Amino acid sequence: RLSCAASGRTDTRYAWGWFRQAPGKEREFAAAISGSGGTT
């Protein structure tokens, strides 16, 4: 279970994403969640 702790001027309207990057490869999308409604 990975955690991402946010600080500063956070806003519940932000959308959040998780990306990953393996050695020698480009960063790729894994998952995202909306800022309102929590759709994924």
All heavy atoms as atom14 arrays in JSON, in Angstrom:
{
  "sequence": "RLSCAASGRTDTRYAWGWFRQAPGKEREFAAAISGSGGTT",
  "atom14_mask": [
    [1, 1, 1, 1, 1, 1, 1, 1, 1, 1, 1, 0, 0, 0],
    [1, 1, 1, 1, 1, 1, 1, 1, 0, 0, 0, 0, 0, 0],
    [1, 1, 1, 1, 1, 1, 0, 0, 0, 0, 0, 0, 0, 0],
    [1, 1, 1, 1, 1, 1, 0, 0, 0, 0, 0, 0, 0, 0],
    [1, 1, 1, 1, 1, 0, 0, 0, 0, 0, 0, 0, 0, 0],
    [1, 1, 1, 1, 1, 0, 0, 0, 0, 0, 0, 0, 0, 0],
    [1, 1, 1, 1, 1, 1, 0, 0, 0, 0, 0, 0, 0, 0],
    [1, 1, 1, 1, 0, 0, 0, 0, 0, 0, 0, 0, 0, 0],
    [1, 1, 1, 1, 1, 1, 1, 1, 1, 1, 1, 0, 0, 0],
    [1, 1, 1, 1, 1, 1, 1, 0, 0, 0, 0, 0, 0, 0],
    [1, 1, 1, 1, 1, 1, 1, 1, 0, 0, 0, 0, 0, 0],
    [1, 1, 1, 1, 1, 1, 1, 0, 0, 0, 0, 0, 0, 0],
    [1, 1, 1, 1, 1, 1, 1, 1, 1, 1, 1, 0, 0, 0],
    [1, 1, 1, 1, 1, 1, 1, 1, 1, 1, 1, 1, 0, 0],
    [1, 1, 1, 1, 1, 0, 0, 0, 0, 0, 0, 0, 0, 0],
    [1, 1, 1, 1, 1, 1, 1, 1, 1, 1, 1, 1, 1, 1],
    [1, 1, 1, 1, 0, 0, 0, 0, 0, 0, 0, 0, 0, 0],
    [1, 1, 1, 1, 1, 1, 1, 1, 1, 1, 1, 1, 1, 1],
    [1, 1, 1, 1, 1, 1, 1, 1, 1, 1, 1, 0, 0, 0],
    [1, 1, 1, 1, 1, 1, 1, 1, 1, 1, 1, 0, 0, 0],
    [1, 1, 1, 1, 1, 1, 1, 1, 1, 0, 0, 0, 0, 0],
    [1, 1, 1, 1, 1, 0, 0, 0, 0, 0, 0, 0, 0, 0],
    [1, 1, 1, 1, 1, 1, 1, 0, 0, 0, 0, 0, 0, 0],
    [1, 1, 1, 1, 0, 0, 0, 0, 0, 0, 0, 0, 0, 0],
    [1, 1, 1, 1, 1, 1, 1, 1, 1, 0, 0, 0, 0, 0],
    [1, 1, 1, 1, 1, 1, 1, 1, 1, 0, 0, 0, 0, 0],
    [1, 1, 1, 1, 1, 1, 1, 1, 1, 1, 1, 0, 0, 0],
    [1, 1, 1, 1, 1, 1, 1, 1, 1, 0, 0, 0, 0, 0],
    [1, 1, 1, 1, 1, 1, 1, 1, 1, 1, 1, 0, 0, 0],
    [1, 1, 1, 1, 1, 0, 0, 0, 0, 0, 0, 0, 0, 0],
    [1, 1, 1, 1, 1, 0, 0, 0, 0, 0, 0, 0, 0, 0],
    [1, 1, 1, 1, 1, 0, 0, 0, 0, 0, 0, 0, 0, 0],
    [1, 1, 1, 1, 1, 1, 1, 1, 0, 0, 0, 0, 0, 0],
    [1, 1, 1, 1, 1, 1, 0, 0, 0, 0, 0, 0, 0, 0],
    [1, 1, 1, 1, 0, 0, 0, 0, 0, 0, 0, 0, 0, 0],
    [1, 1, 1, 1, 1, 1, 0, 0, 0, 0, 0, 0, 0, 0],
    [1, 1, 1, 1, 0, 0, 0, 0, 0, 0, 0, 0, 0, 0],
    [1, 1, 1, 1, 0, 0, 0, 0, 0, 0, 0, 0, 0, 0],
    [1, 1, 1, 1, 1, 1, 1, 0, 0, 0, 0, 0, 0, 0],
    [1, 1, 1, 1, 1, 1, 1, 0, 0, 0, 0, 0, 0, 0]
  ],
  "atom14_positions": [
    [[0.84, -1.18, 0.0], [0.0, 0.0, 0.0], [0.88, 1.23, 0.0], [1.61, 1.48, 0.96], [-0.92, 0.03, 1.21], [-1.99, 1.12, 1.15], [-2.67, 1.29, 2.48], [-3.9, 2.08, 2.38], [-4.51, 2.64, 3.41], [-4.03, 2.48, 4.65], [-5.63, 3.32, 3.22], [0.0, 0.0, 0.0], [0.0, 0.0, 0.0], [0.0, 0.0, 0.0]],
    [[0.82, 1.99, -1.07], [1.56, 3.23, -1.17], [0.72, 4.39, -0.66], [-0.5, 4.4, -0.81], [1.96, 3.5, -2.62], [2.72, 2.4, -3.35], [3.1, 2.87, -4.75], [3.96, 1.98, -2.56], [0.0, 0.0, 0.0], [0.0, 0.0, 0.0], [0.0, 0.0, 0.0], [0.0, 0.0, 0.0], [0.0, 0.0, 0.0], [0.0, 0.0, 0.0]],
    [[1.39, 5.35, -0.06], [0.73, 6.55, 0.42], [1.36, 7.77, -0.21], [2.56, 7.79, -0.49], [0.84, 6.66, 1.95], [0.2, 5.59, 2.59], [0.0, 0.0, 0.0], [0.0, 0.0, 0.0], [0.0, 0.0, 0.0], [0.0, 0.0, 0.0], [0.0, 0.0, 0.0], [0.0, 0.0, 0.0], [0.0, 0.0, 0.0], [0.0, 0.0, 0.0]],
    [[0.56, 8.78, -0.42], [1.02, 10.06, -0.93], [0.45, 11.14, -0.03], [-0.75, 11.4, -0.06], [0.57, 10.26, -2.38], [0.96, 11.88, -3.05], [0.0, 0.0, 0.0], [0.0, 0.0, 0.0], [0.0, 0.0, 0.0], [0.0, 0.0, 0.0], [0.0, 0.0, 0.0], [0.0, 0.0, 0.0], [0.0, 0.0, 0.0], [0.0, 0.0, 0.0]],
    [[1.32, 11.75, 0.75], [0.9, 12.8, 1.68], [1.12, 14.16, 1.03], [2.22, 14.46, 0.56], [1.68, 12.7, 2.98], [0.0, 0.0, 0.0], [0.0, 0.0, 0.0], [0.0, 0.0, 0.0], [0.0, 0.0, 0.0], [0.0, 0.0, 0.0], [0.0, 0.0, 0.0], [0.0, 0.0, 0.0], [0.0, 0.0, 0.0], [0.0, 0.0, 0.0]],
    [[0.08, 14.96, 1.03], [0.13, 16.28, 0.41], [0.15, 17.36, 1.47], [-0.5, 17.26, 2.5], [-1.06, 16.48, -0.52], [0.0, 0.0, 0.0], [0.0, 0.0, 0.0], [0.0, 0.0, 0.0], [0.0, 0.0, 0.0], [0.0, 0.0, 0.0], [0.0, 0.0, 0.0], [0.0, 0.0, 0.0], [0.0, 0.0, 0.0], [0.0, 0.0, 0.0]],
    [[0.91, 18.4, 1.2], [0.95, 19.56, 2.06], [0.98, 20.81, 1.2], [1.17, 20.74, -0.02], [2.15, 19.53, 3.0], [3.37, 19.53, 2.28], [0.0, 0.0, 0.0], [0.0, 0.0, 0.0], [0.0, 0.0, 0.0], [0.0, 0.0, 0.0], [0.0, 0.0, 0.0], [0.0, 0.0, 0.0], [0.0, 0.0, 0.0], [0.0, 0.0, 0.0]],
    [[0.79, 21.94, 1.84], [0.73, 23.18, 1.1], [-0.71, 23.54, 0.77], [-1.63, 23.2, 1.51], [0.0, 0.0, 0.0], [0.0, 0.0, 0.0], [0.0, 0.0, 0.0], [0.0, 0.0, 0.0], [0.0, 0.0, 0.0], [0.0, 0.0, 0.0], [0.0, 0.0, 0.0], [0.0, 0.0, 0.0], [0.0, 0.0, 0.0], [0.0, 0.0, 0.0]],
    [[-0.88, 24.19, -0.34], [-2.2, 24.7, -0.72], [-3.0, 23.66, -1.48], [-3.27, 23.8, -2.68], [-2.04, 25.98, -1.52], [-1.38, 27.09, -0.73], [-1.28, 28.37, -1.52], [-0.65, 29.43, -0.73], [-0.46, 30.66, -1.15], [-0.84, 31.01, -2.38], [0.14, 31.54, -0.36], [0.0, 0.0, 0.0], [0.0, 0.0, 0.0], [0.0, 0.0, 0.0]],
    [[-3.34, 22.61, -0.76], [-4.13, 21.55, -1.38], [-5.57, 21.98, -1.56], [-6.07, 22.87, -0.89], [-4.08, 20.27, -0.53], [-4.53, 20.56, 0.8], [-2.66, 19.74, -0.46], [0.0, 0.0, 0.0], [0.0, 0.0, 0.0], [0.0, 0.0, 0.0], [0.0, 0.0, 0.0], [0.0, 0.0, 0.0], [0.0, 0.0, 0.0], [0.0, 0.0, 0.0]],
    [[-6.23, 21.32, -2.47], [-7.59, 21.66, -2.84], [-8.32, 20.37, -3.15], [-7.81, 19.53, -3.9], [-7.59, 22.6, -4.05], [-8.94, 23.24, -4.31], [-9.97, 22.57, -4.14], [-8.97, 24.42, -4.72], [0.0, 0.0, 0.0], [0.0, 0.0, 0.0], [0.0, 0.0, 0.0], [0.0, 0.0, 0.0], [0.0, 0.0, 0.0], [0.0, 0.0, 0.0]],
    [[-9.49, 20.2, -2.58], [-10.26, 18.99, -2.84], [-10.71, 18.88, -4.28], [-11.14, 17.8, -4.7], [-11.48, 18.9, -1.91], [-12.29, 20.08, -2.07], [-11.04, 18.78, -0.46], [0.0, 0.0, 0.0], [0.0, 0.0, 0.0], [0.0, 0.0, 0.0], [0.0, 0.0, 0.0], [0.0, 0.0, 0.0], [0.0, 0.0, 0.0], [0.0, 0.0, 0.0]],
    [[-10.6, 19.95, -5.03], [-10.93, 19.9, -6.45], [-9.83, 19.26, -7.29], [-10.05, 18.97, -8.46], [-11.24, 21.3, -6.97], [-12.49, 21.93, -6.37], [-12.63, 23.38, -6.78], [-11.56, 24.2, -6.23], [-11.41, 25.5, -6.45], [-12.28, 26.14, -7.22], [-10.41, 26.17, -5.89], [0.0, 0.0, 0.0], [0.0, 0.0, 0.0], [0.0, 0.0, 0.0]],
    [[-8.65, 19.1, -6.71], [-7.56, 18.46, -7.45], [-7.91, 17.02, -7.78], [-8.55, 16.32, -7.0], [-6.28, 18.44, -6.62], [-5.62, 19.76, -6.37], [-4.61, 19.86, -5.42], [-5.98, 20.9, -7.06], [-3.98, 21.07, -5.17], [-5.37, 22.11, -6.81], [-4.37, 22.19, -5.87], [-3.74, 23.39, -5.62], [0.0, 0.0, 0.0], [0.0, 0.0, 0.0]],
    [[-7.47, 16.59, -8.93], [-7.46, 15.18, -9.25], [-6.08, 14.61, -8.92], [-5.08, 15.31, -9.02], [-7.79, 14.96, -10.72], [0.0, 0.0, 0.0], [0.0, 0.0, 0.0], [0.0, 0.0, 0.0], [0.0, 0.0, 0.0], [0.0, 0.0, 0.0], [0.0, 0.0, 0.0], [0.0, 0.0, 0.0], [0.0, 0.0, 0.0], [0.0, 0.0, 0.0]],
    [[-6.05, 13.35, -8.55], [-4.81, 12.71, -8.12], [-4.52, 11.5, -8.98], [-5.43, 10.76, -9.35], [-4.91, 12.29, -6.66], [-5.18, 13.42, -5.74], [-6.39, 13.92, -5.37], [-4.19, 14.23, -5.08], [-6.23, 14.97, -4.52], [-4.89, 15.19, -4.31], [-2.8, 14.21, -5.06], [-4.23, 16.14, -3.54], [-2.15, 15.16, -4.28], [-2.86, 16.1, -3.54]],
    [[-3.25, 11.3, -9.26], [-2.87, 10.16, -10.06], [-1.64, 9.45, -9.52], [-0.85, 10.03, -8.76], [0.0, 0.0, 0.0], [0.0, 0.0, 0.0], [0.0, 0.0, 0.0], [0.0, 0.0, 0.0], [0.0, 0.0, 0.0], [0.0, 0.0, 0.0], [0.0, 0.0, 0.0], [0.0, 0.0, 0.0], [0.0, 0.0, 0.0], [0.0, 0.0, 0.0]],
    [[-1.52, 8.2, -9.88], [-0.31, 7.41, -9.64], [0.27, 7.01, -10.99], [-0.45, 6.48, -11.85], [-0.6, 6.17, -8.81], [-0.82, 6.43, -7.35], [-2.01, 6.56, -6.71], [0.2, 6.57, -6.36], [-1.8, 6.78, -5.37], [-0.46, 6.79, -5.12], [1.6, 6.54, -6.38], [0.24, 6.98, -3.92], [2.28, 6.73, -5.19], [1.6, 6.94, -3.98]],
    [[1.56, 7.26, -11.12], [2.3, 6.88, -12.31], [3.5, 6.04, -11.89], [3.9, 6.06, -10.73], [2.77, 8.12, -13.08], [1.65, 8.93, -13.66], [0.9, 9.78, -12.87], [1.34, 8.84, -15.01], [-0.13, 10.53, -13.4], [0.31, 9.58, -15.56], [-0.43, 10.42, -14.75], [0.0, 0.0, 0.0], [0.0, 0.0, 0.0], [0.0, 0.0, 0.0]],
    [[4.06, 5.34, -12.84], [5.23, 4.53, -12.53], [6.22, 4.57, -13.67], [5.86, 4.75, -14.83], [4.83, 3.09, -12.2], [4.16, 2.35, -13.35], [3.63, 1.02, -12.86], [3.14, 0.19, -13.94], [2.64, -1.01, -13.78], [2.57, -1.55, -12.55], [2.21, -1.71, -14.83], [0.0, 0.0, 0.0], [0.0, 0.0, 0.0], [0.0, 0.0, 0.0]],
    [[7.49, 4.37, -13.33], [8.55, 4.42, -14.31], [9.56, 3.33, -14.01], [10.22, 3.35, -12.97], [9.22, 5.78, -14.33], [10.22, 5.97, -15.45], [10.62, 7.41, -15.63], [10.49, 8.22, -14.71], [11.09, 7.75, -16.81], [0.0, 0.0, 0.0], [0.0, 0.0, 0.0], [0.0, 0.0, 0.0], [0.0, 0.0, 0.0], [0.0, 0.0, 0.0]],
    [[9.67, 2.39, -14.92], [10.66, 1.33, -14.8], [11.97, 1.78, -15.45], [11.97, 2.68, -16.3], [10.14, 0.06, -15.48], [0.0, 0.0, 0.0], [0.0, 0.0, 0.0], [0.0, 0.0, 0.0], [0.0, 0.0, 0.0], [0.0, 0.0, 0.0], [0.0, 0.0, 0.0], [0.0, 0.0, 0.0], [0.0, 0.0, 0.0], [0.0, 0.0, 0.0]],
    [[13.08, 1.16, -15.07], [14.37, 1.54, -15.66], [14.35, 1.46, -17.18], [13.92, 0.45, -17.75], [15.34, 0.53, -15.06], [14.71, 0.14, -13.77], [13.24, 0.13, -14.04], [0.0, 0.0, 0.0], [0.0, 0.0, 0.0], [0.0, 0.0, 0.0], [0.0, 0.0, 0.0], [0.0, 0.0, 0.0], [0.0, 0.0, 0.0], [0.0, 0.0, 0.0]],
    [[14.8, 2.51, -17.83], [14.88, 2.54, -19.27], [13.56, 2.75, -19.98], [13.52, 2.69, -21.22], [0.0, 0.0, 0.0], [0.0, 0.0, 0.0], [0.0, 0.0, 0.0], [0.0, 0.0, 0.0], [0.0, 0.0, 0.0], [0.0, 0.0, 0.0], [0.0, 0.0, 0.0], [0.0, 0.0, 0.0], [0.0, 0.0, 0.0], [0.0, 0.0, 0.0]],
    [[12.49, 2.99, -19.25], [11.18, 3.18, -19.85], [10.61, 4.53, -19.47], [11.04, 5.16, -18.51], [10.23, 2.06, -19.41], [10.7, 0.67, -19.78], [9.76, -0.4, -19.28], [8.45, -0.4, -20.01], [7.57, -1.53, -19.59], [0.0, 0.0, 0.0], [0.0, 0.0, 0.0], [0.0, 0.0, 0.0], [0.0, 0.0, 0.0], [0.0, 0.0, 0.0]],
    [[9.63, 4.97, -20.23], [8.97, 6.24, -19.94], [7.98, 6.08, -18.8], [7.48, 4.99, -18.52], [8.26, 6.76, -21.18], [9.19, 7.13, -22.32], [8.47, 7.75, -23.48], [7.22, 7.77, -23.48], [9.14, 8.25, -24.39], [0.0, 0.0, 0.0], [0.0, 0.0, 0.0], [0.0, 0.0, 0.0], [0.0, 0.0, 0.0], [0.0, 0.0, 0.0]],
    [[7.71, 7.19, -18.15], [6.72, 7.18, -17.09], [5.34, 6.86, -17.66], [4.94, 7.42, -18.69], [6.7, 8.54, -16.39], [5.96, 8.56, -15.08], [6.26, 9.84, -14.3], [7.68, 9.98, -14.03], [8.2, 10.94, -13.27], [7.41, 11.84, -12.7], [9.51, 11.0, -13.09], [0.0, 0.0, 0.0], [0.0, 0.0, 0.0], [0.0, 0.0, 0.0]],
    [[4.62, 5.98, -17.0], [3.33, 5.56, -17.5], [2.25, 5.67, -16.44], [2.5, 5.56, -15.24], [3.39, 4.12, -18.03], [3.6, 3.07, -16.96], [3.52, 1.65, -17.51], [3.5, 1.48, -18.74], [3.49, 0.71, -16.7], [0.0, 0.0, 0.0], [0.0, 0.0, 0.0], [0.0, 0.0, 0.0], [0.0, 0.0, 0.0], [0.0, 0.0, 0.0]],
    [[1.05, 5.85, -16.9], [-0.11, 5.99, -16.04], [-0.47, 4.67, -15.39], [-0.41, 3.61, -16.01], [-1.28, 6.51, -16.87], [-2.6, 6.45, -16.16], [-2.93, 7.41, -15.21], [-3.51, 5.46, -16.44], [-4.14, 7.36, -14.55], [-4.73, 5.4, -15.8], [-5.05, 6.37, -14.84], [0.0, 0.0, 0.0], [0.0, 0.0, 0.0], [0.0, 0.0, 0.0]],
    [[-0.87, 4.75, -14.12], [-1.38, 3.57, -13.43], [-2.82, 3.75, -12.97], [-3.68, 2.91, -13.25], [-0.5, 3.22, -12.23], [0.0, 0.0, 0.0], [0.0, 0.0, 0.0], [0.0, 0.0, 0.0], [0.0, 0.0, 0.0], [0.0, 0.0, 0.0], [0.0, 0.0, 0.0], [0.0, 0.0, 0.0], [0.0, 0.0, 0.0], [0.0, 0.0, 0.0]],
    [[-3.09, 4.84, -12.25], [-4.42, 5.05, -11.67], [-4.64, 6.52, -11.39], [-3.7, 7.28, -11.2], [-4.58, 4.24, -10.38], [0.0, 0.0, 0.0], [0.0, 0.0, 0.0], [0.0, 0.0, 0.0], [0.0, 0.0, 0.0], [0.0, 0.0, 0.0], [0.0, 0.0, 0.0], [0.0, 0.0, 0.0], [0.0, 0.0, 0.0], [0.0, 0.0, 0.0]],
    [[-5.91, 6.93, -11.35], [-6.24, 8.31, -11.02], [-7.61, 8.36, -10.37], [-8.46, 7.48, -10.59], [-6.21, 9.2, -12.26], [0.0, 0.0, 0.0], [0.0, 0.0, 0.0], [0.0, 0.0, 0.0], [0.0, 0.0, 0.0], [0.0, 0.0, 0.0], [0.0, 0.0, 0.0], [0.0, 0.0, 0.0], [0.0, 0.0, 0.0], [0.0, 0.0, 0.0]],
    [[-7.82, 9.4, -9.58], [-9.09, 9.6, -8.9], [-9.48, 11.06, -9.02], [-8.64, 11.96, -8.96], [-8.99, 9.16, -7.42], [-10.36, 9.2, -6.74], [-7.97, 10.0, -6.65], [-10.37, 8.49, -5.4], [0.0, 0.0, 0.0], [0.0, 0.0, 0.0], [0.0, 0.0, 0.0], [0.0, 0.0, 0.0], [0.0, 0.0, 0.0], [0.0, 0.0, 0.0]],
    [[-10.76, 11.32, -9.21], [-11.24, 12.67, -9.41], [-11.24, 13.46, -8.11], [-11.31, 12.91, -7.01], [-12.65, 12.65, -10.01], [-13.57, 12.07, -9.11], [0.0, 0.0, 0.0], [0.0, 0.0, 0.0], [0.0, 0.0, 0.0], [0.0, 0.0, 0.0], [0.0, 0.0, 0.0], [0.0, 0.0, 0.0], [0.0, 0.0, 0.0], [0.0, 0.0, 0.0]],
    [[-11.19, 14.79, -8.26], [-11.21, 15.66, -7.1], [-12.57, 15.75, -6.44], [-12.68, 16.03, -5.25], [0.0, 0.0, 0.0], [0.0, 0.0, 0.0], [0.0, 0.0, 0.0], [0.0, 0.0, 0.0], [0.0, 0.0, 0.0], [0.0, 0.0, 0.0], [0.0, 0.0, 0.0], [0.0, 0.0, 0.0], [0.0, 0.0, 0.0], [0.0, 0.0, 0.0]],
    [[-13.61, 15.52, -7.19], [-14.96, 15.49, -6.66], [-15.64, 14.22, -7.13], [-15.52, 13.84, -8.3], [-15.76, 16.72, -7.1], [-15.87, 16.78, -8.51], [0.0, 0.0, 0.0], [0.0, 0.0, 0.0], [0.0, 0.0, 0.0], [0.0, 0.0, 0.0], [0.0, 0.0, 0.0], [0.0, 0.0, 0.0], [0.0, 0.0, 0.0], [0.0, 0.0, 0.0]],
    [[-16.32, 13.56, -6.23], [-17.01, 12.34, -6.57], [-16.2, 11.08, -6.36], [-16.77, 10.01, -6.12], [0.0, 0.0, 0.0], [0.0, 0.0, 0.0], [0.0, 0.0, 0.0], [0.0, 0.0, 0.0], [0.0, 0.0, 0.0], [0.0, 0.0, 0.0], [0.0, 0.0, 0.0], [0.0, 0.0, 0.0], [0.0, 0.0, 0.0], [0.0, 0.0, 0.0]],
    [[-14.88, 11.19, -6.45], [-14.03, 10.04, -6.2], [-14.07, 8.96, -7.26], [-13.74, 7.8, -6.97], [0.0, 0.0, 0.0], [0.0, 0.0, 0.0], [0.0, 0.0, 0.0], [0.0, 0.0, 0.0], [0.0, 0.0, 0.0], [0.0, 0.0, 0.0], [0.0, 0.0, 0.0], [0.0, 0.0, 0.0], [0.0, 0.0, 0.0], [0.0, 0.0, 0.0]],
    [[-14.46, 9.31, -8.47], [-14.45, 8.32, -9.55], [-13.01, 8.0, -9.93], [-12.13, 8.85, -9.84], [-15.24, 8.79, -10.76], [-14.7, 10.05, -11.21], [-16.7, 8.98, -10.41], [0.0, 0.0, 0.0], [0.0, 0.0, 0.0], [0.0, 0.0, 0.0], [0.0, 0.0, 0.0], [0.0, 0.0, 0.0], [0.0, 0.0, 0.0], [0.0, 0.0, 0.0]],
    [[-12.79, 6.79, -10.39], [-11.43, 6.31, -10.64], [-11.27, 5.76, -12.05], [-12.24, 5.33, -12.68], [-11.05, 5.22, -9.64], [-11.98, 4.13, -9.74], [-11.09, 5.76, -8.22], [0.0, 0.0, 0.0], [0.0, 0.0, 0.0], [0.0, 0.0, 0.0], [0.0, 0.0, 0.0], [0.0, 0.0, 0.0], [0.0, 0.0, 0.0], [0.0, 0.0, 0.0]]
  ]
}
